[in-house]
Amino acid sequence: MSNIAAPVELADAPISLAEQAYRDIRDRLIMLDIRPGEPINDGALALELGVGRTPVREALKRLEIDHLVVSYPRRGTFATIVDITELADVSELRRSLEPLAARKAALSAPDADREALRALARDIERLGEKKVDKRGLMQYDLNVHRLIYRAAGNPHLEETLIRLDNLATRIWCLVLDKVPSVSGHIEEHVDLLDAIVAGEAESAEAMALAHITSFEQTIRAVL
């Protein structure tokens, strides 16, 4: 598989060990590397990540707020089960907030973010030349959305949308093998990214809504 850029926010520096652990464990949970319902051993994770147990435990507390892990007294911490019935609730919020983020990004994204959006759009256009598996395509999806959220310039909106997108991505990963064309879904982002870069707020807003609606319909079709 071709090299794929790490999630956008991972390029930001510097970050604390707790933040590093949080992002790493979070993305493992999102991509189902840590399977739903699987027990989480903080000591083993600390060794694997090369950090102490304290940063891992701090990360797990945050991940519980994100509904990605759940802790039970005397039993331990587990990856949450992926609840397909959450799709409607998550999509309802994303249909309102994703277009808002796209519009705000088109109107006010700084030049550096516009350049990153443009570069990502051109990279996605070349997907046909690369050997990118479905997991790699999911990484592109995460990168697109996280970069748009950041470019919107509202930290509260960004934080909320990242949490919603994380939950949606877990649902998608659960049915990934049943989805006929993941690459087609990813390629839909090119026009959206170009509209944001060009400052076309209304077009970006409309395309973001269409994209989220299409995502929900695709998932429902394979359930």
Protein backbone atom coordinates (compact mmCIF):
# COMPACT_ATOMS: atom_id res chain seq x y z
CA MET A 1 0.00 0.00 0.00
CA SER A 2 1.24 3.52 -0.72
CA ASN A 3 2.28 5.72 2.15
CA ILE A 4 -0.61 7.69 3.55
CA ALA A 5 -0.32 10.85 5.59
CA ALA A 6 -0.98 10.56 9.28
CA PRO A 7 -4.15 12.20 10.57
CA VAL A 8 -3.96 15.97 10.18
CA GLU A 9 -3.90 16.75 13.87
CA LEU A 10 -0.93 14.41 14.40
CA ALA A 11 1.20 16.87 12.45
CA ASP A 12 0.54 19.52 15.09
CA ALA A 13 3.32 19.88 17.66
CA PRO A 14 4.26 19.70 20.39
CA ILE A 15 1.80 17.53 22.30
CA SER A 16 1.91 15.93 25.72
CA LEU A 17 2.39 12.21 26.30
CA ALA A 18 -1.22 12.00 27.48
CA GLU A 19 -2.43 13.66 24.26
CA GLN A 20 -0.21 11.39 22.18
CA ALA A 21 -1.61 8.33 23.97
CA TYR A 22 -5.16 9.63 23.59
CA ARG A 23 -4.87 10.14 19.83
CA ASP A 24 -3.15 6.81 19.25
CA ILE A 25 -5.61 4.74 21.30
CA ARG A 26 -8.56 6.69 19.92
CA ASP A 27 -7.61 5.94 16.31
CA ARG A 28 -7.09 2.25 17.14
CA LEU A 29 -10.58 2.19 18.58
CA ILE A 30 -12.03 4.04 15.59
CA MET A 31 -10.41 1.70 13.07
CA LEU A 32 -11.42 -1.32 15.19
CA ASP A 33 -7.80 -2.39 15.73
CA ILE A 34 -9.07 -2.67 19.30
CA ARG A 35 -12.19 -4.71 18.69
CA PRO A 36 -15.59 -3.70 20.12
CA GLY A 37 -16.03 -5.27 23.55
CA GLU A 38 -12.33 -6.08 23.88
CA PRO A 39 -10.77 -5.54 27.33
CA ILE A 40 -8.14 -2.82 27.46
CA ASN A 41 -4.93 -3.49 29.37
CA ASP A 42 -3.43 -0.13 30.28
CA GLY A 43 -0.07 -1.68 31.15
CA ALA A 44 0.23 -3.45 27.80
CA LEU A 45 -0.81 -0.30 25.95
CA ALA A 46 1.74 1.77 27.86
CA LEU A 47 4.52 -0.61 26.82
CA GLU A 48 3.33 -0.67 23.24
CA LEU A 49 3.11 3.12 23.00
CA GLY A 50 6.36 3.70 24.86
CA VAL A 51 4.78 5.83 27.58
CA GLY A 52 3.96 5.39 31.26
CA ARG A 53 0.69 4.11 32.62
CA THR A 54 -0.38 7.58 33.82
CA PRO A 55 -0.72 9.09 30.29
CA VAL A 56 -2.62 5.98 29.18
CA ARG A 57 -5.01 6.18 32.12
CA GLU A 58 -5.59 9.88 31.44
CA ALA A 59 -6.29 9.03 27.80
CA LEU A 60 -8.77 6.32 28.75
CA LYS A 61 -10.70 8.77 30.92
CA ARG A 62 -11.11 11.08 27.92
CA LEU A 63 -12.04 8.18 25.66
CA GLU A 64 -14.83 7.25 28.04
CA ILE A 65 -16.27 10.74 27.56
CA ASP A 66 -16.02 10.15 23.80
CA HIS A 67 -18.09 6.93 24.20
CA LEU A 68 -15.23 4.87 22.81
CA VAL A 69 -14.44 2.96 26.01
CA VAL A 70 -16.46 2.04 29.08
CA SER A 71 -15.22 1.23 32.58
CA TYR A 72 -16.85 -1.09 35.09
CA PRO A 73 -15.94 -1.29 38.79
CA ARG A 74 -13.82 -4.38 39.54
CA ARG A 75 -14.07 -5.52 35.92
CA GLY A 76 -11.88 -3.05 34.05
CA THR A 77 -12.08 -0.98 30.89
CA PHE A 78 -13.45 -2.21 27.56
CA ALA A 79 -13.86 -0.88 24.04
CA THR A 80 -17.50 0.06 23.59
CA ILE A 81 -19.73 -2.04 21.39
CA VAL A 82 -20.50 -0.44 18.03
CA ASP A 83 -24.20 0.32 18.18
CA ILE A 84 -25.65 0.47 14.67
CA THR A 85 -28.80 2.10 16.05
CA GLU A 86 -26.71 5.20 16.82
CA LEU A 87 -26.34 5.88 13.09
CA ALA A 88 -29.57 7.89 12.90
CA ASP A 89 -28.73 10.10 15.89
CA VAL A 90 -25.15 10.68 14.77
CA SER A 91 -26.21 11.42 11.20
CA GLU A 92 -28.89 13.85 12.36
CA LEU A 93 -26.26 15.98 14.06
CA ARG A 94 -23.74 15.64 11.24
CA ARG A 95 -26.31 16.80 8.67
CA SER A 96 -26.49 20.09 10.55
CA LEU A 97 -22.88 20.55 11.63
CA GLU A 98 -20.84 19.23 8.67
CA PRO A 99 -22.33 21.80 6.24
CA LEU A 100 -21.69 24.53 8.83
CA ALA A 101 -18.03 23.50 9.11
CA ALA A 102 -17.63 23.40 5.32
CA ARG A 103 -19.22 26.84 4.96
CA LYS A 104 -17.06 28.37 7.70
CA ALA A 105 -13.92 26.81 6.23
CA ALA A 106 -14.75 28.23 2.79
CA LEU A 107 -15.29 31.68 4.25
CA SER A 108 -12.44 31.96 6.70
CA ALA A 109 -9.84 29.20 6.43
CA PRO A 110 -6.28 30.55 6.67
CA ASP A 111 -4.00 30.19 3.66
CA ALA A 112 -2.04 27.32 5.22
CA ASP A 113 -5.20 25.27 5.70
CA ARG A 114 -6.43 26.06 2.18
CA GLU A 115 -3.12 24.84 0.80
CA ALA A 116 -3.40 21.63 2.86
CA LEU A 117 -6.96 21.12 1.59
CA ARG A 118 -5.82 21.69 -2.01
CA ALA A 119 -2.94 19.24 -1.64
CA LEU A 120 -5.22 16.60 -0.14
CA ALA A 121 -7.70 17.01 -3.01
CA ARG A 122 -4.93 16.46 -5.58
CA ASP A 123 -3.69 13.44 -3.63
CA ILE A 124 -7.18 11.90 -3.63
CA GLU A 125 -7.40 12.49 -7.40
CA ARG A 126 -4.39 10.18 -7.77
CA LEU A 127 -5.91 7.33 -5.78
CA GLY A 128 -6.50 5.37 -8.97
CA GLU A 129 -2.73 5.22 -9.50
CA LYS A 130 -2.10 3.84 -6.01
CA LYS A 131 -2.68 0.52 -4.32
CA VAL A 132 -4.66 1.73 -1.32
CA ASP A 133 -6.70 -0.82 0.60
CA LYS A 134 -9.99 -0.07 2.33
CA ARG A 135 -8.25 0.71 5.60
CA GLY A 136 -6.05 3.23 3.83
CA LEU A 137 -9.09 4.81 2.22
CA MET A 138 -10.65 5.21 5.67
CA GLN A 139 -7.53 7.10 6.72
CA TYR A 140 -8.08 9.49 3.84
CA ASP A 141 -11.65 10.00 5.00
CA LEU A 142 -10.51 10.84 8.52
CA ASN A 143 -7.90 13.27 7.17
CA VAL A 144 -10.41 15.10 4.97
CA HIS A 145 -12.93 15.61 7.73
CA ARG A 146 -10.42 16.54 10.43
CA LEU A 147 -8.77 19.09 8.18
CA ILE A 148 -12.09 20.70 7.25
CA TYR A 149 -13.05 20.86 10.93
CA ARG A 150 -9.77 22.57 11.76
CA ALA A 151 -10.08 24.97 8.84
CA ALA A 152 -13.53 26.04 10.10
CA GLY A 153 -11.76 27.88 12.90
CA ASN A 154 -14.14 27.04 15.75
CA PRO A 155 -12.52 24.73 18.34
CA HIS A 156 -15.86 23.76 19.89
CA LEU A 157 -17.32 22.83 16.50
CA GLU A 158 -14.13 20.93 15.65
CA GLU A 159 -14.19 18.93 18.88
CA THR A 160 -17.88 18.05 18.50
CA LEU A 161 -17.52 16.98 14.87
CA ILE A 162 -14.43 14.88 15.53
CA ARG A 163 -16.37 12.92 18.16
CA LEU A 164 -19.32 12.42 15.83
CA ASP A 165 -17.12 11.47 12.89
CA ASN A 166 -15.26 8.99 15.10
CA LEU A 167 -18.51 7.23 15.99
CA ALA A 168 -19.63 7.23 12.35
CA THR A 169 -16.28 5.82 11.24
CA ARG A 170 -16.54 2.92 13.72
CA ILE A 171 -19.92 2.01 12.23
CA TRP A 172 -18.46 2.21 8.74
CA CYS A 173 -15.45 0.05 9.67
CA LEU A 174 -17.83 -2.57 11.07
CA VAL A 175 -19.47 -3.02 7.65
CA LEU A 176 -16.50 -2.03 5.49
CA ASP A 177 -16.23 -5.37 3.71
CA LYS A 178 -19.85 -5.07 2.59
CA VAL A 179 -19.50 -1.58 1.11
CA PRO A 180 -19.11 -1.90 -2.69
CA SER A 181 -17.13 1.27 -3.46
CA VAL A 182 -15.24 2.92 -0.66
CA SER A 183 -12.97 4.69 -3.15
CA GLY A 184 -15.99 6.35 -4.78
CA HIS A 185 -17.06 7.73 -1.42
CA ILE A 186 -13.58 9.13 -0.80
CA GLU A 187 -13.36 10.65 -4.28
CA GLU A 188 -16.57 12.59 -3.56
CA HIS A 189 -14.43 14.78 -1.31
CA VAL A 190 -12.46 16.32 -4.19
CA ASP A 191 -15.18 18.75 -5.31
CA LEU A 192 -15.95 19.61 -1.70
CA LEU A 193 -12.31 20.38 -0.92
CA ASP A 194 -11.94 22.45 -4.10
CA ALA A 195 -15.08 24.46 -3.25
CA ILE A 196 -13.71 25.26 0.20
CA VAL A 197 -10.33 26.29 -1.23
CA ALA A 198 -12.09 28.55 -3.75
CA GLY A 199 -14.19 30.17 -1.02
CA GLU A 200 -17.44 28.91 -2.53
CA ALA A 201 -19.34 28.71 0.75
CA GLU A 202 -22.80 27.81 -0.56
CA SER A 203 -21.47 25.05 -2.82
CA ALA A 204 -19.30 23.64 -0.05
CA GLU A 205 -22.23 23.67 2.34
CA ALA A 206 -24.49 21.84 -0.12
CA MET A 207 -21.85 19.25 -1.02
CA ALA A 208 -21.11 18.53 2.63
CA LEU A 209 -24.78 17.83 3.26
CA ALA A 210 -25.00 15.60 0.18
CA HIS A 211 -21.91 13.70 1.29
CA ILE A 212 -23.24 12.97 4.78
CA THR A 213 -26.61 11.94 3.36
CA SER A 214 -24.89 9.62 0.87
CA PHE A 215 -22.80 8.09 3.66
CA GLU A 216 -25.86 7.26 5.74
CA GLN A 217 -27.66 5.76 2.72
CA THR A 218 -24.63 3.64 1.86
CA ILE A 219 -24.38 2.24 5.38
CA ARG A 220 -28.13 1.52 5.59
CA ALA A 221 -28.01 -0.29 2.25
CA VAL A 222 -25.57 -2.90 3.59
CA LEU A 223 -27.03 -3.35 7.07
